[in-house]
Amino acid sequence: MAKKKGEGFHSAAGLIRYFDDEDNKSPKIPPWVVVGLCIGSAVLVSVAAWLWPM
């Protein structure tokens, strides 16, 4: 059975074009904001567990 060699490249090129276009419209969040939100939520949960023990 013969293999189609160029088929995978065309579909990958379409995905790359889609994600490049989507990337321009998406909001940009710096990595330090994500880390800060994670640390802040961990502190909030820890304080809540300390104030209201089960």
Protein backbone atom coordinates (compact mmCIF):
# COMPACT_ATOMS: atom_id res chain seq x y z
CA MET A 1 0.00 0.00 0.00
CA ALA A 2 1.40 3.40 -0.95
CA LYS A 3 1.92 6.04 1.72
CA LYS A 4 0.80 9.64 1.35
CA LYS A 5 3.87 11.63 2.35
CA GLY A 6 2.59 15.21 2.20
CA GLU A 7 -0.71 14.78 4.05
CA GLY A 8 0.54 15.38 7.60
CA PHE A 9 2.31 18.61 6.73
CA HIS A 10 -0.79 20.26 5.30
CA SER A 11 -2.90 19.54 8.35
CA ALA A 12 -0.11 20.71 10.68
CA ALA A 13 0.25 23.93 8.70
CA GLY A 14 -3.46 24.62 9.16
CA LEU A 15 -3.19 24.11 12.92
CA ILE A 16 -0.16 26.38 13.15
CA ARG A 17 -1.99 29.07 11.19
CA TYR A 18 -5.05 28.69 13.47
CA PHE A 19 -3.06 28.95 16.70
CA ASP A 20 -1.00 31.90 15.40
CA ASP A 21 -4.19 33.79 14.58
CA GLU A 22 -5.77 32.89 17.93
CA ASP A 23 -2.63 33.95 19.82
CA ASN A 24 -2.89 37.53 18.53
CA LYS A 25 -6.41 37.93 19.94
CA SER A 26 -5.89 36.29 23.32
CA PRO A 27 -5.11 38.30 26.47
CA LYS A 28 -1.50 38.27 27.58
CA ILE A 29 -0.95 37.32 31.24
CA PRO A 30 2.62 37.49 32.56
CA PRO A 31 3.88 34.35 34.32
CA TRP A 32 4.48 36.22 37.59
CA VAL A 33 0.77 37.05 37.79
CA VAL A 34 -0.13 33.35 37.61
CA VAL A 35 2.46 32.48 40.27
CA GLY A 36 1.20 35.32 42.48
CA LEU A 37 -2.40 34.16 42.17
CA CYS A 38 -1.42 30.60 43.09
CA ILE A 39 0.53 31.75 46.14
CA GLY A 40 -2.26 34.15 47.15
CA SER A 41 -4.94 31.47 46.91
CA ALA A 42 -2.78 29.04 48.92
CA VAL A 43 -2.35 31.67 51.66
CA LEU A 44 -6.09 32.40 51.61
CA VAL A 45 -6.98 28.72 52.00
CA SER A 46 -4.42 28.28 54.79
CA VAL A 47 -5.75 31.31 56.70
CA ALA A 48 -9.34 30.11 56.25
CA ALA A 49 -8.40 26.66 57.57
CA TRP A 50 -6.69 28.25 60.57
CA LEU A 51 -9.64 30.58 61.35
CA TRP A 52 -12.37 27.98 60.89
CA PRO A 53 -11.01 24.57 61.86
CA MET A 54 -13.22 21.57 61.21
